[in-house]
Protein backbone atom coordinates (compact mmCIF):
# COMPACT_ATOMS: atom_id res chain seq x y z
CA MET A 1 88.40 117.02 92.20
CA ARG A 2 91.73 116.20 92.10
CA SER A 3 93.87 117.74 89.51
CA GLY A 4 95.73 115.62 87.30
CA ARG A 5 99.06 117.20 88.15
CA ARG A 6 101.47 114.55 90.09
CA SER A 7 103.89 115.59 92.22
CA GLU A 8 107.48 114.44 93.06
CA SER A 9 106.35 112.78 96.32
CA ASP A 10 103.36 111.38 94.33
CA GLU A 11 105.82 109.73 91.67
CA TRP A 12 108.26 108.46 94.59
CA SER A 13 104.91 106.79 96.33
CA ALA A 14 104.05 105.07 93.40
CA ALA A 15 107.39 103.66 92.85
CA ARG A 16 107.82 102.71 96.28
CA ASP A 17 104.37 100.97 96.46
CA GLY A 18 104.42 99.64 93.28
CA ARG A 19 101.03 101.20 92.23
CA PRO A 20 99.93 101.95 88.85
CA ALA A 21 101.47 105.41 87.85
CA SER A 22 101.24 106.46 83.96
CA PRO A 23 98.19 108.24 82.94
CA ASP A 24 96.80 105.27 81.10
CA GLU A 25 96.94 103.21 84.63
CA ARG A 26 94.81 105.72 86.90
CA LEU A 27 91.57 105.02 87.97
CA ARG A 28 89.03 107.55 87.17
CA ALA A 29 86.66 107.79 90.35
CA VAL A 30 83.26 109.76 91.15
CA VAL A 31 82.53 110.46 94.80
CA VAL A 32 78.57 110.56 95.72
CA ASP A 33 77.58 112.08 99.41
CA ASP A 34 75.35 114.52 100.15
CA GLU A 35 77.61 115.66 103.53
CA PRO A 36 80.13 118.58 101.88
CA LEU A 37 82.51 117.80 104.51
CA ALA A 38 82.39 114.07 104.38
CA ARG A 39 82.51 114.50 100.41
CA ALA A 40 85.71 116.62 101.03
CA ARG A 41 87.71 114.36 103.45
CA LEU A 42 87.20 111.33 101.17
CA CYS A 43 88.16 113.58 98.37
CA ARG A 44 91.25 114.51 100.30
CA LEU A 45 92.30 111.02 101.35
CA LEU A 46 92.19 110.08 98.08
CA ALA A 47 94.06 112.62 96.71
CA ARG A 48 96.68 110.94 98.70
CA THR A 49 96.71 107.55 96.16
CA PRO A 50 98.47 108.37 92.93
CA ASP A 51 96.46 106.05 90.80
CA ILE A 52 93.16 107.21 91.67
CA ASP A 53 91.73 110.91 89.87
CA VAL A 54 88.95 111.78 91.59
CA ILE A 55 87.28 113.29 88.42
CA ALA A 56 83.96 114.44 89.91
CA GLU A 57 82.03 115.06 92.98
CA CYS A 58 77.99 114.72 93.57
CA GLY A 59 76.37 115.99 96.36
CA ASP A 60 72.82 114.40 95.58
CA GLY A 61 71.49 111.22 93.53
CA ARG A 62 69.97 112.70 90.50
CA SER A 63 73.27 114.40 89.71
CA ALA A 64 75.26 110.96 90.40
CA VAL A 65 72.64 109.30 87.84
CA ALA A 66 73.62 112.09 85.21
CA THR A 67 77.20 112.31 85.96
CA VAL A 68 78.48 108.60 85.93
CA SER A 69 76.06 107.91 82.82
CA ASP A 70 78.46 110.74 81.22
CA THR A 71 81.73 109.64 82.83
CA ARG A 72 81.63 106.02 82.86
CA PRO A 73 84.36 105.96 85.57
CA GLU A 74 85.82 102.73 86.75
CA LEU A 75 85.65 103.44 90.59
CA LEU A 76 82.50 104.88 92.39
CA PHE A 77 81.99 106.02 95.90
CA LEU A 78 78.40 106.14 96.54
CA ASP A 79 76.70 107.15 99.85
CA VAL A 80 73.68 105.30 100.81
CA GLU A 81 71.54 107.56 102.49
CA MET A 82 70.94 110.52 100.09
CA PRO A 83 67.30 112.52 99.67
CA GLU A 84 65.54 111.81 96.60
CA LEU A 85 67.34 109.29 95.23
CA ASP A 86 69.36 107.06 97.89
CA GLY A 87 73.03 105.09 96.74
CA PHE A 88 70.39 101.93 95.90
CA GLU A 89 68.12 104.01 93.63
CA VAL A 90 71.05 106.04 91.86
CA LEU A 91 72.90 101.94 90.61
CA ALA A 92 68.77 100.78 90.34
CA THR A 93 69.11 103.65 87.70
CA ILE A 94 72.52 103.46 86.21
CA GLY A 95 72.79 99.82 86.11
CA THR A 96 75.03 97.68 88.24
CA ASP A 97 76.88 97.08 85.22
CA ALA A 98 77.64 100.97 84.92
CA VAL A 99 80.88 100.80 87.29
CA PRO A 100 83.36 98.32 87.32
CA ALA A 101 84.21 99.04 91.03
CA LEU A 102 81.49 99.89 93.74
CA ILE A 103 82.24 101.33 97.19
CA PHE A 104 79.32 102.08 99.19
CA VAL A 105 80.01 104.63 101.97
CA THR A 106 77.41 105.07 104.97
CA ALA A 107 77.09 105.97 108.77
CA PHE A 108 75.05 102.77 109.16
CA ASP A 109 75.86 98.86 109.00
CA HIS A 110 72.45 97.83 108.30
CA TYR A 111 72.45 98.04 104.27
CA ALA A 112 75.50 95.49 104.11
CA VAL A 113 73.14 92.51 102.90
CA ARG A 114 71.89 95.15 100.07
CA ALA A 115 75.30 96.08 99.55
CA PHE A 116 76.42 92.06 98.55
CA ASP A 117 73.26 92.02 96.37
CA ALA A 118 74.86 94.78 94.84
CA HIS A 119 78.07 93.02 94.14
CA ALA A 120 79.47 95.95 95.61
CA VAL A 121 83.37 95.42 95.98
CA ASP A 122 83.51 97.20 99.22
CA TYR A 123 81.54 98.89 102.47
CA LEU A 124 82.73 102.02 103.92
CA ILE A 125 81.44 102.83 107.80
CA LYS A 126 81.82 106.28 108.90
CA PRO A 127 84.38 107.53 110.02
CA PHE A 128 86.65 105.66 108.30
CA ASP A 129 90.73 106.28 108.37
CA ALA A 130 93.23 105.89 105.50
CA ALA A 131 94.33 102.68 106.20
CA ARG A 132 90.04 100.97 105.96
CA LEU A 133 90.15 103.23 103.08
CA ASP A 134 93.40 101.58 101.27
CA ARG A 135 92.07 98.10 102.11
CA ALA A 136 88.71 99.10 99.80
CA LEU A 137 90.95 99.95 97.28
CA THR A 138 93.02 97.21 96.92
CA ARG A 139 89.88 95.39 96.66
CA ALA A 140 88.63 97.62 93.82
CA ARG A 141 91.81 96.74 92.11
CA LYS A 142 91.50 93.32 92.27
CA ARG A 143 87.99 93.64 91.27
CA LEU A 144 89.07 95.27 88.21
CA THR A 145 91.80 92.76 87.18
CA GLY A 146 89.62 90.16 87.12
CA GLU A 147 88.93 88.56 90.59
CA SER A 148 85.87 86.90 91.30
CA ILE A 149 82.95 88.16 93.22
CA ALA A 150 82.72 85.60 95.51
CA LEU A 151 86.14 85.77 97.09
CA GLN A 152 85.69 89.60 97.12
CA LEU A 153 82.32 89.12 98.89
CA THR A 154 84.27 87.19 101.45
CA SER A 155 86.51 89.87 102.33
CA LEU A 156 83.62 92.53 102.72
CA LEU A 157 81.98 90.10 104.88
CA ALA A 158 84.83 89.93 107.24
CA ALA A 159 84.69 93.75 107.12
CA VAL A 160 81.16 94.21 108.38
CA ARG A 161 78.70 93.03 111.41
CA PRO A 162 76.71 90.22 110.60
CA SER A 163 72.83 90.91 109.63
CA ARG A 164 70.02 89.97 112.19
CA GLY A 165 72.81 87.36 114.16
CA ARG A 166 73.35 85.63 110.98
CA LEU A 167 76.54 85.02 108.37
CA ALA A 168 76.54 85.66 105.03
CA ILE A 169 78.81 83.11 103.18
CA PRO A 170 79.69 83.52 99.52
CA VAL A 171 79.18 80.58 97.68
CA GLY A 172 79.68 80.74 94.13
CA ASP A 173 77.59 83.64 92.99
CA LYS A 174 75.14 83.22 96.01
CA MET A 175 74.81 84.05 99.62
CA VAL A 176 73.93 81.31 101.86
CA PHE A 177 72.84 82.49 105.24
CA VAL A 178 74.31 80.82 108.72
CA ASP A 179 72.48 81.47 112.30
CA TRP A 180 75.50 82.24 114.69
CA ALA A 181 73.56 79.67 117.02
CA ASP A 182 73.97 77.11 114.72
CA ILE A 183 77.40 76.63 114.59
CA ASP A 184 79.10 74.38 116.67
CA TYR A 185 82.90 75.55 116.10
CA LEU A 186 85.21 76.77 113.73
CA GLU A 187 88.46 75.81 112.44
CA ALA A 188 91.75 77.50 110.77
CA GLU A 189 92.75 75.53 107.72
CA GLY A 190 95.45 77.77 105.79
CA ASN A 191 94.02 80.88 104.53
CA TYR A 192 90.45 79.95 105.04
CA VAL A 193 88.34 79.16 107.89
CA ALA A 194 85.93 76.27 108.11
CA ILE A 195 82.60 76.84 109.83
CA HIS A 196 81.23 73.57 110.92
CA VAL A 197 77.07 73.52 111.29
CA HIS A 198 75.52 70.48 111.93
CA ASN A 199 78.49 67.84 110.37
CA ALA A 200 78.44 70.23 107.13
CA ALA A 201 81.63 72.71 106.80
CA HIS A 202 81.44 75.76 105.18
CA LEU A 203 84.92 77.41 103.98
CA VAL A 204 85.41 81.37 104.30
CA ARG A 205 88.43 82.75 103.25
CA ASP A 206 89.11 84.99 106.42
CA THR A 207 91.59 84.48 109.71
CA LEU A 208 90.55 82.82 112.81
CA SER A 209 91.15 86.08 114.57
CA ASN A 210 89.00 88.02 112.75
CA MET A 211 86.40 85.86 113.04
CA GLU A 212 86.81 85.68 116.84
CA ALA A 213 86.41 88.96 117.12
CA ARG A 214 82.95 89.12 115.63
CA LEU A 215 81.49 86.17 117.61
CA ASP A 216 79.56 86.62 120.92
CA PRO A 217 82.27 85.91 123.87
CA ALA A 218 79.57 84.48 125.77
CA ALA A 219 78.44 81.97 123.47
CA PHE A 220 81.96 80.97 121.71
CA VAL A 221 85.70 79.84 123.44
CA ARG A 222 88.98 79.99 121.86
CA ILE A 223 90.17 76.46 122.75
CA HIS A 224 93.11 76.24 120.23
CA ARG A 225 95.33 78.20 118.09
CA SER A 226 93.24 76.82 115.49
CA ARG A 227 89.72 76.30 116.85
CA ILE A 228 86.61 77.86 118.43
CA VAL A 229 83.75 76.32 119.92
CA ARG A 230 80.28 77.12 120.53
CA ILE A 231 80.12 76.50 124.31
CA ASP A 232 76.56 75.11 124.50
CA ARG A 233 77.38 72.89 121.58
CA VAL A 234 80.10 70.79 124.09
CA ARG A 235 78.39 67.53 125.46
CA ALA A 236 81.33 66.01 127.22
CA ILE A 237 85.01 67.01 128.24
CA GLU A 238 87.56 64.30 128.62
CA PRO A 239 91.11 65.17 130.23
CA LEU A 240 94.05 63.97 128.14
CA PHE A 241 97.81 65.13 129.05
CA HIS A 242 99.23 68.12 130.33
CA GLY A 243 96.31 70.00 130.40
CA GLU A 244 94.62 69.51 127.19
CA TYR A 245 91.23 68.03 126.37
CA ARG A 246 89.25 65.79 124.19
CA LEU A 247 85.30 67.60 123.52
CA THR A 248 82.61 65.63 122.32
CA LEU A 249 80.07 67.99 120.70
CA HIS A 250 76.16 67.28 120.64
CA SER A 251 76.84 66.05 116.70
CA GLY A 252 79.47 63.60 117.65
CA ALA A 253 82.27 65.69 116.57
CA GLN A 254 85.61 65.59 118.98
CA ILE A 255 88.02 67.91 118.91
CA THR A 256 91.32 68.85 120.59
CA SER A 257 91.94 71.70 122.88
CA ALA A 258 95.45 73.37 123.69
CA ARG A 259 97.42 73.51 127.16
CA GLY A 260 97.27 77.20 126.53
CA TYR A 261 93.87 77.81 126.67
CA ARG A 262 92.99 75.37 129.40
CA ASP A 263 92.19 77.99 131.65
CA ALA A 264 89.65 79.76 129.01
CA LEU A 265 88.02 76.43 128.31
CA ARG A 266 87.51 75.80 132.03
CA ALA A 267 86.11 78.91 133.13
CA ALA A 268 83.53 78.89 129.95
CA LEU A 269 82.16 75.37 130.87
CA GLY A 270 81.71 76.37 134.51
CA ILE A 271 84.69 73.54 135.68
C-alpha cells in the first residue's frame, strides 16, 4: 500500500506534469490480483504517480468485494482470472456503479468484449510497461471528469486485438461489430478514421497508423498517407499521372493512390 507522505520528487513531478497534487485531488485506488508479484509490480508503478493513492490490495475476489464495498475507491484495477470469484463476478457482485473508473488487468486478450460490456475505461494485458499504464490512467482521469463512454471505448478498442475477426465500433452507448472481411477501405479524416463497409462509413476516433497495425498485411495495403484498401475489393485500376492510380472498388467507390505507395500497391495486386 502506498504511503500518503509525498516526497520532494513527487511534488516536482506533479508540478511538471500538471497533474493533481493536493490530497483532495488524488485518486484512491484498489488493486486486485491473485498473483503477489504482479500485484506488487503494479503497486510499484502506481507509486510513481503522485495523484494515485493505493489504499488497499486484494489477492482474491471475495476480499475485493468486501474491500471495494467498504472503501468505495475512485479507481479499481481488477484482475480477470482469479479463483472462486473472477473479475467479472466481482463486478457483478458489487455493481457496475460501485467504482467510477475500472481498469481490467489480465494476461489474456479474449475477455476484451466482456470488458467493454462492463464499461471499463481500459484493459491492460500483462506484461505492460509504465507508458501503457500511464495511458490507462489518462483514460481513467477523463472518465472521472465526465468524458463519454463511447469516446473512451474507442481508445480502448485501439489498444486490443479484435475479437474473432471483428472490429467493435462504439456507436452512441452501444457497440457495432464489423467483420474485417467486409471492409472496403479505411480513410483518415482529421482525428478519426472512416471505415467504409458496403457504401456505409463508420467513424472511429483513432489514427490510420494504429488501425494499420491491426490489419492483416496479406489482405490490406496502404495506398496513400490517408488511405488503406482491402486488396480483394479492387475491381479495376487505372494509371493517372506520376505514378498515381485510380482504383475502382466492387462497391463502385473510386479512390486514388499516391505515388509514394505505388510499389506496395503493384506488389499487392500482382501487377
